Amino acid sequence: MQHRTLGSQGLEVSAIGYGTMGLTMAYGPGDTQEGVAAIRRAHDLGVTFFDTAELYGFGTGSNETLVGQAVADFRDDVVLATKFGFDLSDPERIGHALNSRPDNIRKVTDNSLRYLGVDHIDVLYQHRVDPDVPIEDVAGTVKELIDAGKVKYFGLSEAGPATIRKAHAVQPVSVLQTEYSLFERDVEQLFPTLDELGIGFVAYSPLGRGFITGTAKPAGQYDATDMRNIDPRWQPGNFEKNVGAVNRLADLAATKGVTVSQLALAWLLAQGEHIVPIPGTRSPKRVEENTRAAGVTLTDADLAAIDKILPHGGFGARYAEAALPTWV
């Protein structure tokens, strides 16, 4: 597995990471043993970058605890990233109410250290920008945690240029995490800012929430708790167009002897050395498929053919209107 350096502070990770959100939320009921097996298989195959968050356990620590259990035997060999920034006190508003006040950042960090079973967090992200808390206060609090040895690197998620610049002036930002895939291209407008400041980029949902695997089903055919039932890309009209695009991508992938998932991940890696995708899966077999994408080389002709199929991304927004993050 190749490695990449994210940012200018020395954060080195595997070229393909692993996102753990789907192990405990958003995609129907999960299985702890299955999740642990998938994480350990990823490590066996050279993955060193594992991404979790307070939110993924709905405030119970279940996702971070699972990750901590899975990596306990090789913790020193991997980079663990987690996130703060939500108010999880009201079950009715989980995922919608924000809280990046300094006291909450400190509390969440201490909880995450305990849940993960570690003495430091490698990457601590602000999960979503909180308009009620100056980003300078957020960055300053994370700087205190870094100075105290509880955190090594600072990250932002779904932040815009002005926020990134203000935060970076207080505590250097090593990495920005935002959705990026063949289906979602808007974040490319932020790349000049990242390049200027020397900030790496982590692509979440790099397979379009599983759509770019060739296994998508229409909305309504998933478990009732699965977010894809309400995802705009899965709705009638958009769904059929996206299926058609994925089928054409799969045909191209077949000419190279790879899967459509591997083609999509290789495309992301080809967009710049500062980019690392973090596909998530509950299946060790899918882990094997995803990690092999690091060895796929795309030619200029391949990239041109992909761009012809999806020149501007997929069909349908990445979130329902009310949930779309605003970049500032």
C-alpha atoms as a PDB file:
ATOM      1  CA  MET A   1       0.000   0.000   0.000  1.00  0.00           C
ATOM      2  CA  GLN A   2       1.375   3.397  -1.006  1.00  0.00           C
ATOM      3  CA  HIS A   3       1.383   6.229   1.523  1.00  0.00           C
ATOM      4  CA  ARG A   4       0.568   9.899   1.139  1.00  0.00           C
ATOM      5  CA  THR A   5       1.359  12.972   3.226  1.00  0.00           C
ATOM      6  CA  LEU A   6      -1.587  15.179   4.144  1.00  0.00           C
ATOM      7  CA  GLY A   7      -0.727  18.770   4.917  1.00  0.00           C
ATOM      8  CA  SER A   8       2.551  20.330   5.976  1.00  0.00           C
ATOM      9  CA  GLN A   9       2.704  19.063   9.556  1.00  0.00           C
ATOM     10  CA  GLY A  10       3.871  15.524   8.765  1.00  0.00           C
ATOM     11  CA  LEU A  11       0.601  13.546   8.730  1.00  0.00           C
ATOM     12  CA  GLU A  12       1.364  10.375   6.734  1.00  0.00           C
ATOM     13  CA  VAL A  13      -1.361   7.834   5.943  1.00  0.00           C
ATOM     14  CA  SER A  14      -2.114   5.011   3.536  1.00  0.00           C
ATOM     15  CA  ALA A  15      -3.284   6.130   0.090  1.00  0.00           C
ATOM     16  CA  ILE A  16      -6.674   4.591   0.839  1.00  0.00           C
ATOM     17  CA  GLY A  17      -8.188   4.866   4.295  1.00  0.00           C
ATOM     18  CA  TYR A  18     -11.269   3.396   5.930  1.00  0.00           C
ATOM     19  CA  GLY A  19     -14.407   5.274   7.006  1.00  0.00           C
ATOM     20  CA  THR A  20     -16.360   3.675   9.848  1.00  0.00           C
ATOM     21  CA  MET A  21     -19.630   5.631   9.855  1.00  0.00           C
ATOM     22  CA  GLY A  22     -21.599   2.878   8.137  1.00  0.00           C
ATOM     23  CA  LEU A  23     -20.696   0.351  10.806  1.00  0.00           C
ATOM     24  CA  THR A  24     -23.133   1.916  13.265  1.00  0.00           C
ATOM     25  CA  MET A  25     -25.338   4.440  11.454  1.00  0.00           C
ATOM     26  CA  ALA A  26     -26.991   5.529   8.199  1.00  0.00           C
ATOM     27  CA  TYR A  27     -27.015   2.164   6.388  1.00  0.00           C
ATOM     28  CA  GLY A  28     -29.285  -0.030   8.475  1.00  0.00           C
ATOM     29  CA  PRO A  29     -28.412  -2.242  11.455  1.00  0.00           C
ATOM     30  CA  GLY A  30     -24.744  -3.123  11.842  1.00  0.00           C
ATOM     31  CA  ASP A  31     -22.871  -6.017  13.394  1.00  0.00           C
ATOM     32  CA  THR A  32     -19.955  -5.337  15.736  1.00  0.00           C
ATOM     33  CA  GLN A  33     -18.064  -8.536  14.924  1.00  0.00           C
ATOM     34  CA  GLU A  34     -18.434  -7.886  11.217  1.00  0.00           C
ATOM     35  CA  GLY A  35     -17.178  -4.322  11.658  1.00  0.00           C
ATOM     36  CA  VAL A  36     -14.160  -5.416  13.679  1.00  0.00           C
ATOM     37  CA  ALA A  37     -13.329  -8.045  11.041  1.00  0.00           C
ATOM     38  CA  ALA A  38     -13.520  -5.469   8.242  1.00  0.00           C
ATOM     39  CA  ILE A  39     -11.226  -3.038  10.072  1.00  0.00           C
ATOM     40  CA  ARG A  40      -8.688  -5.741  10.858  1.00  0.00           C
ATOM     41  CA  ARG A  41      -8.727  -6.970   7.263  1.00  0.00           C
ATOM     42  CA  ALA A  42      -8.080  -3.406   6.113  1.00  0.00           C
ATOM     43  CA  HIS A  43      -5.055  -3.242   8.388  1.00  0.00           C
ATOM     44  CA  ASP A  44      -3.809  -6.583   7.063  1.00  0.00           C
ATOM     45  CA  LEU A  45      -3.907  -5.074   3.572  1.00  0.00           C
ATOM     46  CA  GLY A  46      -1.909  -1.990   4.519  1.00  0.00           C
ATOM     47  CA  VAL A  47      -4.591   0.526   5.482  1.00  0.00           C
ATOM     48  CA  THR A  48      -3.271   2.777   8.262  1.00  0.00           C
ATOM     49  CA  PHE A  49      -5.937   5.512   8.361  1.00  0.00           C
ATOM     50  CA  PHE A  50      -9.217   4.930  10.213  1.00  0.00           C
ATOM     51  CA  ASP A  51     -11.920   7.567  10.514  1.00  0.00           C
ATOM     52  CA  THR A  52     -14.614   7.700  13.209  1.00  0.00           C
ATOM     53  CA  ALA A  53     -16.645  10.376  15.047  1.00  0.00           C
ATOM     54  CA  GLU A  54     -18.636  11.054  18.176  1.00  0.00           C
ATOM     55  CA  LEU A  55     -21.747  11.403  15.991  1.00  0.00           C
ATOM     56  CA  TYR A  56     -21.440   7.882  14.567  1.00  0.00           C
ATOM     57  CA  GLY A  57     -22.239   6.457  17.994  1.00  0.00           C
ATOM     58  CA  PHE A  58     -25.122   8.899  18.613  1.00  0.00           C
ATOM     59  CA  GLY A  59     -23.291  10.090  21.715  1.00  0.00           C
ATOM     60  CA  THR A  60     -22.905   6.591  23.209  1.00  0.00           C
ATOM     61  CA  GLY A  61     -19.340   6.042  22.004  1.00  0.00           C
ATOM     62  CA  SER A  62     -20.346   2.821  20.238  1.00  0.00           C
ATOM     63  CA  ASN A  63     -18.509   3.554  16.973  1.00  0.00           C
ATOM     64  CA  GLU A  64     -15.313   4.763  18.620  1.00  0.00           C
ATOM     65  CA  THR A  65     -15.397   1.827  21.030  1.00  0.00           C
ATOM     66  CA  LEU A  66     -15.719  -0.578  18.096  1.00  0.00           C
ATOM     67  CA  VAL A  67     -12.772   1.068  16.350  1.00  0.00           C
ATOM     68  CA  GLY A  68     -10.687   1.022  19.502  1.00  0.00           C
ATOM     69  CA  GLN A  69     -11.409  -2.654  20.027  1.00  0.00           C
ATOM     70  CA  ALA A  70     -10.549  -3.470  16.416  1.00  0.00           C
ATOM     71  CA  VAL A  71      -7.178  -1.680  16.380  1.00  0.00           C
ATOM     72  CA  ALA A  72      -6.071  -2.431  19.942  1.00  0.00           C
ATOM     73  CA  ASP A  73      -3.380  -4.883  18.847  1.00  0.00           C
ATOM     74  CA  PHE A  74      -1.828  -2.506  16.305  1.00  0.00           C
ATOM     75  CA  ARG A  75      -2.788   0.943  17.546  1.00  0.00           C
ATOM     76  CA  ASP A  76       0.770   2.305  17.192  1.00  0.00           C
ATOM     77  CA  ASP A  77       0.795   1.347  13.503  1.00  0.00           C
ATOM     78  CA  VAL A  78      -2.288   3.349  12.523  1.00  0.00           C
ATOM     79  CA  VAL A  79      -3.650   6.882  12.380  1.00  0.00           C
ATOM     80  CA  LEU A  80      -6.956   7.380  14.189  1.00  0.00           C
ATOM     81  CA  ALA A  81      -9.184  10.328  13.291  1.00  0.00           C
ATOM     82  CA  THR A  82     -12.324  11.372  15.132  1.00  0.00           C
ATOM     83  CA  LYS A  83     -14.602  14.421  15.229  1.00  0.00           C
ATOM     84  CA  PHE A  84     -16.470  16.806  17.500  1.00  0.00           C
ATOM     85  CA  GLY A  85     -19.033  19.488  16.774  1.00  0.00           C
ATOM     86  CA  PHE A  86     -22.569  18.200  17.290  1.00  0.00           C
ATOM     87  CA  ASP A  87     -24.974  18.660  20.172  1.00  0.00           C
ATOM     88  CA  LEU A  88     -26.148  15.125  20.876  1.00  0.00           C
ATOM     89  CA  SER A  89     -28.142  15.903  24.021  1.00  0.00           C
ATOM     90  CA  ASP A  90     -31.515  15.874  22.239  1.00  0.00           C
ATOM     91  CA  PRO A  91     -32.277  12.552  20.489  1.00  0.00           C
ATOM     92  CA  GLU A  92     -34.754  14.328  18.211  1.00  0.00           C
ATOM     93  CA  ARG A  93     -32.077  16.674  16.849  1.00  0.00           C
ATOM     94  CA  ILE A  94     -29.067  14.374  16.533  1.00  0.00           C
ATOM     95  CA  GLY A  95     -27.165  15.261  13.389  1.00  0.00           C
ATOM     96  CA  HIS A  96     -28.764  18.706  13.169  1.00  0.00           C
ATOM     97  CA  ALA A  97     -27.830  20.679  16.311  1.00  0.00           C
ATOM     98  CA  LEU A  98     -24.236  21.938  16.514  1.00  0.00           C
ATOM     99  CA  ASN A  99     -21.933  22.577  19.468  1.00  0.00           C
ATOM    100  CA  SER A 100     -18.301  23.569  18.991  1.00  0.00           C
ATOM    101  CA  ARG A 101     -17.975  25.522  22.211  1.00  0.00           C
ATOM    102  CA  PRO A 102     -14.537  25.047  23.772  1.00  0.00           C
ATOM    103  CA  ASP A 103     -15.932  23.224  26.809  1.00  0.00           C
ATOM    104  CA  ASN A 104     -17.723  20.748  24.581  1.00  0.00           C
ATOM    105  CA  ILE A 105     -14.623  20.204  22.430  1.00  0.00           C
ATOM    106  CA  ARG A 106     -12.636  19.326  25.552  1.00  0.00           C
ATOM    107  CA  LYS A 107     -15.375  17.032  26.865  1.00  0.00           C
ATOM    108  CA  VAL A 108     -15.797  15.200  23.550  1.00  0.00           C
ATOM    109  CA  THR A 109     -12.033  14.780  23.186  1.00  0.00           C
ATOM    110  CA  ASP A 110     -11.740  13.205  26.625  1.00  0.00           C
ATOM    111  CA  ASN A 111     -14.675  10.923  25.860  1.00  0.00           C
ATOM    112  CA  SER A 112     -13.127   9.903  22.536  1.00  0.00           C
ATOM    113  CA  LEU A 113      -9.802   9.099  24.176  1.00  0.00           C
ATOM    114  CA  ARG A 114     -11.656   6.850  26.616  1.00  0.00           C
ATOM    115  CA  TYR A 115     -13.855   5.170  24.024  1.00  0.00           C
ATOM    116  CA  LEU A 116     -10.944   4.543  21.660  1.00  0.00           C
ATOM    117  CA  GLY A 117      -8.763   3.349  24.526  1.00  0.00           C
ATOM    118  CA  VAL A 118      -5.824   5.529  23.475  1.00  0.00           C
ATOM    119  CA  ASP A 119      -3.625   8.202  25.027  1.00  0.00           C
ATOM    120  CA  HIS A 120      -3.836  10.549  22.048  1.00  0.00           C
ATOM    121  CA  ILE A 121      -5.969  11.196  18.963  1.00  0.00           C
ATOM    122  CA  ASP A 122      -4.005  11.485  15.745  1.00  0.00           C
ATOM    123  CA  VAL A 123      -6.449  13.728  13.845  1.00  0.00           C
ATOM    124  CA  LEU A 124      -9.210  15.743  15.519  1.00  0.00           C
ATOM    125  CA  TYR A 125     -11.745  17.291  13.136  1.00  0.00           C
ATOM    126  CA  GLN A 126     -14.447  19.841  13.646  1.00  0.00           C
ATOM    127  CA  HIS A 127     -17.280  17.809  12.095  1.00  0.00           C
ATOM    128  CA  ARG A 128     -19.330  20.797  10.914  1.00  0.00           C
ATOM    129  CA  VAL A 129     -18.666  24.521  11.144  1.00  0.00           C
ATOM    130  CA  ASP A 130     -20.655  26.045  14.011  1.00  0.00           C
ATOM    131  CA  PRO A 131     -21.848  29.565  13.084  1.00  0.00           C
ATOM    132  CA  ASP A 132     -22.348  30.382  16.778  1.00  0.00           C
ATOM    133  CA  VAL A 133     -18.708  29.792  17.742  1.00  0.00           C
ATOM    134  CA  PRO A 134     -15.842  31.766  16.143  1.00  0.00           C
ATOM    135  CA  ILE A 135     -13.562  29.372  14.278  1.00  0.00           C
ATOM    136  CA  GLU A 136     -10.605  31.089  15.981  1.00  0.00           C
ATOM    137  CA  ASP A 137     -11.936  29.815  19.323  1.00  0.00           C
ATOM    138  CA  VAL A 138     -12.310  26.317  17.906  1.00  0.00           C
ATOM    139  CA  ALA A 139      -8.782  26.300  16.486  1.00  0.00           C
ATOM    140  CA  GLY A 140      -7.400  27.745  19.700  1.00  0.00           C
ATOM    141  CA  THR A 141      -9.012  25.011  21.759  1.00  0.00           C
ATOM    142  CA  VAL A 142      -7.624  22.309  19.495  1.00  0.00           C
ATOM    143  CA  LYS A 143      -4.213  23.991  19.728  1.00  0.00           C
ATOM    144  CA  GLU A 144      -4.432  23.658  23.518  1.00  0.00           C
ATOM    145  CA  LEU A 145      -5.230  19.951  23.123  1.00  0.00           C
ATOM    146  CA  ILE A 146      -2.273  19.526  20.763  1.00  0.00           C
ATOM    147  CA  ASP A 147       0.019  21.329  23.202  1.00  0.00           C
ATOM    148  CA  ALA A 148      -1.268  19.028  25.967  1.00  0.00           C
ATOM    149  CA  GLY A 149      -0.398  15.922  23.920  1.00  0.00           C
ATOM    150  CA  LYS A 150      -4.007  14.748  23.579  1.00  0.00           C
ATOM    151  CA  VAL A 151      -4.156  15.467  19.825  1.00  0.00           C
ATOM    152  CA  LYS A 152      -1.525  15.479  17.058  1.00  0.00           C
ATOM    153  CA  TYR A 153      -3.184  17.074  14.012  1.00  0.00           C
ATOM    154  CA  PHE A 154      -6.109  19.444  13.400  1.00  0.00           C
ATOM    155  CA  GLY A 155      -8.708  18.880  10.692  1.00  0.00           C
ATOM    156  CA  LEU A 156     -11.853  20.569   9.396  1.00  0.00           C
ATOM    157  CA  SER A 157     -14.855  19.033   7.661  1.00  0.00           C
ATOM    158  CA  GLU A 158     -17.207  20.753   5.199  1.00  0.00           C
ATOM    159  CA  ALA A 159     -15.520  24.143   5.714  1.00  0.00           C
ATOM    160  CA  GLY A 160     -15.129  26.937   3.162  1.00  0.00           C
ATOM    161  CA  PRO A 161     -12.132  29.126   2.267  1.00  0.00           C
ATOM    162  CA  ALA A 162     -12.671  31.918   4.800  1.00  0.00           C
ATOM    163  CA  THR A 163     -13.157  29.471   7.676  1.00  0.00           C
ATOM    164  CA  ILE A 164     -10.127  27.443   6.634  1.00  0.00           C
ATOM    165  CA  ARG A 165      -7.915  30.541   6.473  1.00  0.00           C
ATOM    166  CA  LYS A 166      -9.034  31.851   9.874  1.00  0.00           C
ATOM    167  CA  ALA A 167      -8.524  28.474  11.540  1.00  0.00           C
ATOM    168  CA  HIS A 168      -5.157  27.903   9.862  1.00  0.00           C
ATOM    169  CA  ALA A 169      -3.865  31.243  11.172  1.00  0.00           C
ATOM    170  CA  VAL A 170      -4.436  30.061  14.763  1.00  0.00           C
ATOM    171  CA  GLN A 171      -3.515  26.364  14.468  1.00  0.00           C
ATOM    172  CA  PRO A 172      -2.230  24.881  11.196  1.00  0.00           C
ATOM    173  CA  VAL A 173      -4.899  22.734   9.576  1.00  0.00           C
ATOM    174  CA  SER A 174      -3.471  19.457   8.292  1.00  0.00           C
ATOM    175  CA  VAL A 175      -6.500  18.179   6.440  1.00  0.00           C
ATOM    176  CA  LEU A 176      -9.965  19.076   5.159  1.00  0.00           C
ATOM    177  CA  GLN A 177     -12.557  16.329   4.875  1.00  0.00           C
ATOM    178  CA  THR A 178     -15.536  16.736   2.550  1.00  0.00           C
ATOM    179  CA  GLU A 179     -17.579  14.550   0.225  1.00  0.00           C
ATOM    180  CA  TYR A 180     -15.826  13.965  -3.105  1.00  0.00           C
ATOM    181  CA  SER A 181     -16.427  11.355  -5.776  1.00  0.00           C
ATOM    182  CA  LEU A 182     -17.322  10.953  -9.417  1.00  0.00           C
ATOM    183  CA  PHE A 183     -20.832  11.874  -8.273  1.00  0.00           C
ATOM    184  CA  GLU A 184     -19.826  14.956  -6.243  1.00  0.00           C
ATOM    185  CA  ARG A 185     -17.356  17.458  -7.689  1.00  0.00           C
ATOM    186  CA  ASP A 186     -18.235  20.798  -6.033  1.00  0.00           C
ATOM    187  CA  VAL A 187     -15.369  20.623  -3.545  1.00  0.00           C
ATOM    188  CA  GLU A 188     -12.847  21.039  -6.351  1.00  0.00           C
ATOM    189  CA  GLN A 189     -13.403  24.801  -6.026  1.00  0.00           C
ATOM    190  CA  LEU A 190     -11.642  24.626  -2.636  1.00  0.00           C
ATOM    191  CA  PHE A 191      -8.505  22.902  -3.907  1.00  0.00           C
ATOM    192  CA  PRO A 192      -6.606  26.119  -4.772  1.00  0.00           C
ATOM    193  CA  THR A 193      -6.993  27.258  -1.149  1.00  0.00           C
ATOM    194  CA  LEU A 194      -5.770  23.900   0.139  1.00  0.00           C
ATOM    195  CA  ASP A 195      -2.813  23.959  -2.238  1.00  0.00           C
ATOM    196  CA  GLU A 196      -1.896  27.506  -1.203  1.00  0.00           C
ATOM    197  CA  LEU A 197      -1.981  26.683   2.513  1.00  0.00           C
ATOM    198  CA  GLY A 198      -0.464  23.206   2.245  1.00  0.00           C
ATOM    199  CA  ILE A 199      -3.535  21.328   3.493  1.00  0.00           C
ATOM    200  CA  GLY A 200      -4.367  17.736   2.570  1.00  0.00           C
ATOM    201  CA  PHE A 201      -7.782  16.449   1.566  1.00  0.00           C
ATOM    202  CA  VAL A 202      -9.768  13.419   2.722  1.00  0.00           C
ATOM    203  CA  ALA A 203     -12.642  12.334   0.480  1.00  0.00           C
ATOM    204  CA  TYR A 204     -15.602  10.831   2.315  1.00  0.00           C
ATOM    205  CA  SER A 205     -18.345   8.907   0.499  1.00  0.00           C
ATOM    206  CA  PRO A 206     -15.868   8.311  -2.356  1.00  0.00           C
ATOM    207  CA  LEU A 207     -18.194   5.716  -3.882  1.00  0.00           C
ATOM    208  CA  GLY A 208     -21.285   7.907  -3.745  1.00  0.00           C
ATOM    209  CA  ARG A 209     -22.671   6.166  -0.624  1.00  0.00           C
ATOM    210  CA  GLY A 210     -22.318   2.847  -2.396  1.00  0.00           C
ATOM    211  CA  PHE A 211     -24.006   3.856  -5.636  1.00  0.00           C
ATOM    212  CA  ILE A 212     -20.744   3.571  -7.579  1.00  0.00           C
ATOM    213  CA  THR A 213     -20.425  -0.125  -6.793  1.00  0.00           C
ATOM    214  CA  GLY A 214     -23.046  -1.385  -9.224  1.00  0.00           C
ATOM    215  CA  THR A 215     -25.271  -2.617  -6.379  1.00  0.00           C
ATOM    216  CA  ALA A 216     -27.680   0.310  -5.944  1.00  0.00           C
ATOM    217  CA  LYS A 217     -31.370  -0.420  -5.423  1.00  0.00           C
ATOM    218  CA  PRO A 218     -34.210   2.108  -5.784  1.00  0.00           C
ATOM    219  CA  ALA A 219     -35.190   4.170  -2.739  1.00  0.00           C
ATOM    220  CA  GLY A 220     -37.601   2.293  -0.516  1.00  0.00           C
ATOM    221  CA  GLN A 221     -35.870  -1.054  -0.950  1.00  0.00           C
ATOM    222  CA  TYR A 222     -33.421  -0.516   1.918  1.00  0.00           C
ATOM    223  CA  ASP A 223     -33.855  -0.925   5.666  1.00  0.00           C
ATOM    224  CA  ALA A 224     -36.087   1.795   7.112  1.00  0.00           C
ATOM    225  CA  THR A 225     -33.091   3.376   8.896  1.00  0.00           C
ATOM    226  CA  ASP A 226     -30.992   3.591   5.705  1.00  0.00           C
ATOM    227  CA  MET A 227     -30.343   7.162   4.553  1.00  0.00           C
ATOM    228  CA  ARG A 228     -30.397   6.120   0.898  1.00  0.00           C
ATOM    229  CA  ASN A 229     -34.183   5.919   1.030  1.00  0.00           C
ATOM    230  CA  ILE A 230     -34.275   9.721   1.121  1.00  0.00           C
ATOM    231  CA  ASP A 231     -31.034  10.503  -0.732  1.00  0.00           C
ATOM    232  CA  PRO A 232     -31.884  12.600  -3.838  1.00  0.00           C
ATOM    233  CA  ARG A 233     -29.638  10.427  -6.033  1.00  0.00           C
ATOM    234  CA  TRP A 234     -31.869   7.435  -5.344  1.00  0.00           C
ATOM    235  CA  GLN A 235     -35.136   9.151  -6.223  1.00  0.00           C
ATOM    236  CA  PRO A 236     -37.037   8.395  -9.459  1.00  0.00           C
ATOM    237  CA  GLY A 237     -35.537  10.245 -12.395  1.00  0.00           C
ATOM    238  CA  ASN A 238     -32.130  10.699 -10.828  1.00  0.00           C
ATOM    239  CA  PHE A 239     -31.817   7.012  -9.955  1.00  0.00           C
ATOM    240  CA  GLU A 240     -32.167   5.788 -13.531  1.00  0.00           C
ATOM    241  CA  LYS A 241     -29.664   8.336 -14.859  1.00  0.00           C
ATOM    242  CA  ASN A 242     -27.139   7.416 -12.184  1.00  0.00           C
ATOM    243  CA  VAL A 243     -27.554   3.704 -12.887  1.00  0.00           C
ATOM    244  CA  GLY A 244     -26.882   4.383 -16.551  1.00  0.00           C
ATOM    245  CA  ALA A 245     -23.725   6.329 -15.754  1.00  0.00           C
ATOM    246  CA  VAL A 246     -22.433   3.622 -13.404  1.00  0.00           C
ATOM    247  CA  ASN A 247     -23.101   0.978 -16.039  1.00  0.00           C
ATOM    248  CA  ARG A 248     -20.992   2.923 -18.536  1.00  0.00           C
ATOM    249  CA  LEU A 249     -18.238   3.321 -15.952  1.00  0.00           C
ATOM    250  CA  ALA A 250     -18.398  -0.429 -15.277  1.00  0.00           C
ATOM    251  CA  ASP A 251     -17.953  -1.137 -18.984  1.00  0.00           C
ATOM    252  CA  LEU A 252     -14.841   1.055 -19.004  1.00  0.00           C
ATOM    253  CA  ALA A 253     -13.549  -0.602 -15.831  1.00  0.00           C
ATOM    254  CA  ALA A 254     -13.981  -4.030 -17.412  1.00  0.00           C
ATOM    255  CA  THR A 255     -11.628  -3.075 -20.256  1.00  0.00           C
ATOM    256  CA  LYS A 256      -8.942  -2.525 -17.598  1.00  0.00           C
ATOM    257  CA  GLY A 257      -9.741  -5.673 -15.653  1.00  0.00           C
ATOM    258  CA  VAL A 258     -10.947  -3.771 -12.572  1.00  0.00           C
ATOM    259  CA  THR A 259     -14.284  -3.175 -10.866  1.00  0.00           C
ATOM    260  CA  VAL A 260     -16.259   0.054 -11.108  1.00  0.00           C
ATOM    261  CA  SER A 261     -15.453   0.764  -7.432  1.00  0.00           C
ATOM    262  CA  GLN A 262     -11.736   0.423  -8.116  1.00  0.00           C
ATOM    263  CA  LEU A 263     -12.047   2.705 -11.146  1.00  0.00           C
ATOM    264  CA  ALA A 264     -13.808   5.357  -9.049  1.00  0.00           C
ATOM    265  CA  LEU A 265     -11.230   5.218  -6.245  1.00  0.00           C
ATOM    266  CA  ALA A 266      -8.326   5.270  -8.708  1.00  0.00           C
ATOM    267  CA  TRP A 267      -9.898   8.356 -10.316  1.00  0.00           C
ATOM    268  CA  LEU A 268      -9.857  10.114  -6.948  1.00  0.00           C
ATOM    269  CA  LEU A 269      -6.225   9.205  -6.342  1.00  0.00           C
ATOM    270  CA  ALA A 270      -5.378  10.582  -9.784  1.00  0.00           C
ATOM    271  CA  GLN A 271      -6.799  14.013  -8.896  1.00  0.00           C
ATOM    272  CA  GLY A 272      -3.790  14.897  -6.757  1.00  0.00           C
ATOM    273  CA  GLU A 273      -1.175  13.557  -4.378  1.00  0.00           C
ATOM    274  CA  HIS A 274      -2.836  15.455  -1.531  1.00  0.00           C
ATOM    275  CA  ILE A 275      -6.041  13.371  -1.740  1.00  0.00           C
ATOM    276  CA  VAL A 276      -6.917  10.250   0.272  1.00  0.00           C
ATOM    277  CA  PRO A 277     -10.338   8.569  -0.039  1.00  0.00           C
ATOM    278  CA  ILE A 278     -11.867   6.738   2.934  1.00  0.00           C
ATOM    279  CA  PRO A 279     -14.393   4.224   1.589  1.00  0.00           C
ATOM    280  CA  GLY A 280     -16.440   2.438   4.210  1.00  0.00           C
ATOM    281  CA  THR A 281     -17.809  -1.086   4.132  1.00  0.00           C
ATOM    282  CA  ARG A 282     -18.957  -3.813   6.497  1.00  0.00           C
ATOM    283  CA  SER A 283     -17.549  -6.510   4.238  1.00  0.00           C
ATOM    284  CA  PRO A 284     -13.935  -7.766   4.404  1.00  0.00           C
ATOM    285  CA  LYS A 285     -14.330  -8.773   0.744  1.00  0.00           C
ATOM    286  CA  ARG A 286     -15.208  -5.202  -0.187  1.00  0.00           C
ATOM    287  CA  VAL A 287     -12.221  -4.012   1.838  1.00  0.00           C
ATOM    288  CA  GLU A 288      -9.992  -6.186  -0.332  1.00  0.00           C
ATOM    289  CA  GLU A 289     -11.586  -4.806  -3.490  1.00  0.00           C
ATOM    290  CA  ASN A 290     -11.250  -1.190  -2.364  1.00  0.00           C
ATOM    291  CA  THR A 291      -7.630  -1.410  -1.249  1.00  0.00           C
ATOM    292  CA  ARG A 292      -6.568  -2.920  -4.565  1.00  0.00           C
ATOM    293  CA  ALA A 293      -7.603   0.347  -6.204  1.00  0.00           C
ATOM    294  CA  ALA A 294      -4.352   1.872  -4.922  1.00  0.00           C
ATOM    295  CA  GLY A 295      -2.532  -0.190  -7.537  1.00  0.00           C
ATOM    296  CA  VAL A 296      -4.712   0.872 -10.488  1.00  0.00           C
ATOM    297  CA  THR A 297      -3.142   3.302 -12.946  1.00  0.00           C
ATOM    298  CA  LEU A 298      -5.405   5.415 -15.134  1.00  0.00           C
ATOM    299  CA  THR A 299      -4.131   6.814 -18.414  1.00  0.00           C
ATOM    300  CA  ASP A 300      -5.032  10.209 -19.824  1.00  0.00           C
ATOM    301  CA  ALA A 301      -7.401   8.390 -22.175  1.00  0.00           C
ATOM    302  CA  ASP A 302      -9.067   6.664 -19.228  1.00  0.00           C
ATOM    303  CA  LEU A 303      -9.523   9.964 -17.412  1.00  0.00           C
ATOM    304  CA  ALA A 304     -10.963  11.575 -20.533  1.00  0.00           C
ATOM    305  CA  ALA A 305     -13.406   8.689 -20.987  1.00  0.00           C
ATOM    306  CA  ILE A 306     -14.528   8.980 -17.356  1.00  0.00           C
ATOM    307  CA  ASP A 307     -14.987  12.730 -17.719  1.00  0.00           C
ATOM    308  CA  LYS A 308     -17.144  12.169 -20.783  1.00  0.00           C
ATOM    309  CA  ILE A 309     -19.457   9.856 -18.820  1.00  0.00           C
ATOM    310  CA  LEU A 310     -19.773  12.156 -15.785  1.00  0.00           C
ATOM    311  CA  PRO A 311     -18.423  15.596 -16.685  1.00  0.00           C
ATOM    312  CA  HIS A 312     -20.105  17.410 -13.781  1.00  0.00           C
ATOM    313  CA  GLY A 313     -20.923  14.723 -11.246  1.00  0.00           C
ATOM    314  CA  GLY A 314     -23.968  12.540 -10.654  1.00  0.00           C
ATOM    315  CA  PHE A 315     -27.654  13.326 -10.866  1.00  0.00           C
ATOM    316  CA  GLY A 316     -29.302  14.692  -7.727  1.00  0.00           C
ATOM    317  CA  ALA A 317     -27.911  16.611  -4.756  1.00  0.00           C
ATOM    318  CA  ARG A 318     -25.748  14.836  -2.203  1.00  0.00           C
ATOM    319  CA  TYR A 319     -28.153  15.658   0.635  1.00  0.00           C
ATOM    320  CA  ALA A 320     -31.766  16.712   0.885  1.00  0.00           C
ATOM    321  CA  GLU A 321     -31.993  20.512   0.652  1.00  0.00           C
ATOM    322  CA  ALA A 322     -32.269  21.181   4.406  1.00  0.00           C
ATOM    323  CA  ALA A 323     -29.168  19.100   5.202  1.00  0.00           C
ATOM    324  CA  LEU A 324     -26.786  20.578   2.631  1.00  0.00           C
ATOM    325  CA  PRO A 325     -23.735  22.086   4.371  1.00  0.00           C
ATOM    326  CA  THR A 326     -22.942  25.719   3.615  1.00  0.00           C
ATOM    327  CA  TRP A 327     -19.272  26.507   2.976  1.00  0.00           C
ATOM    328  CA  VAL A 328     -18.089  29.823   4.392  1.00  0.00           C
END
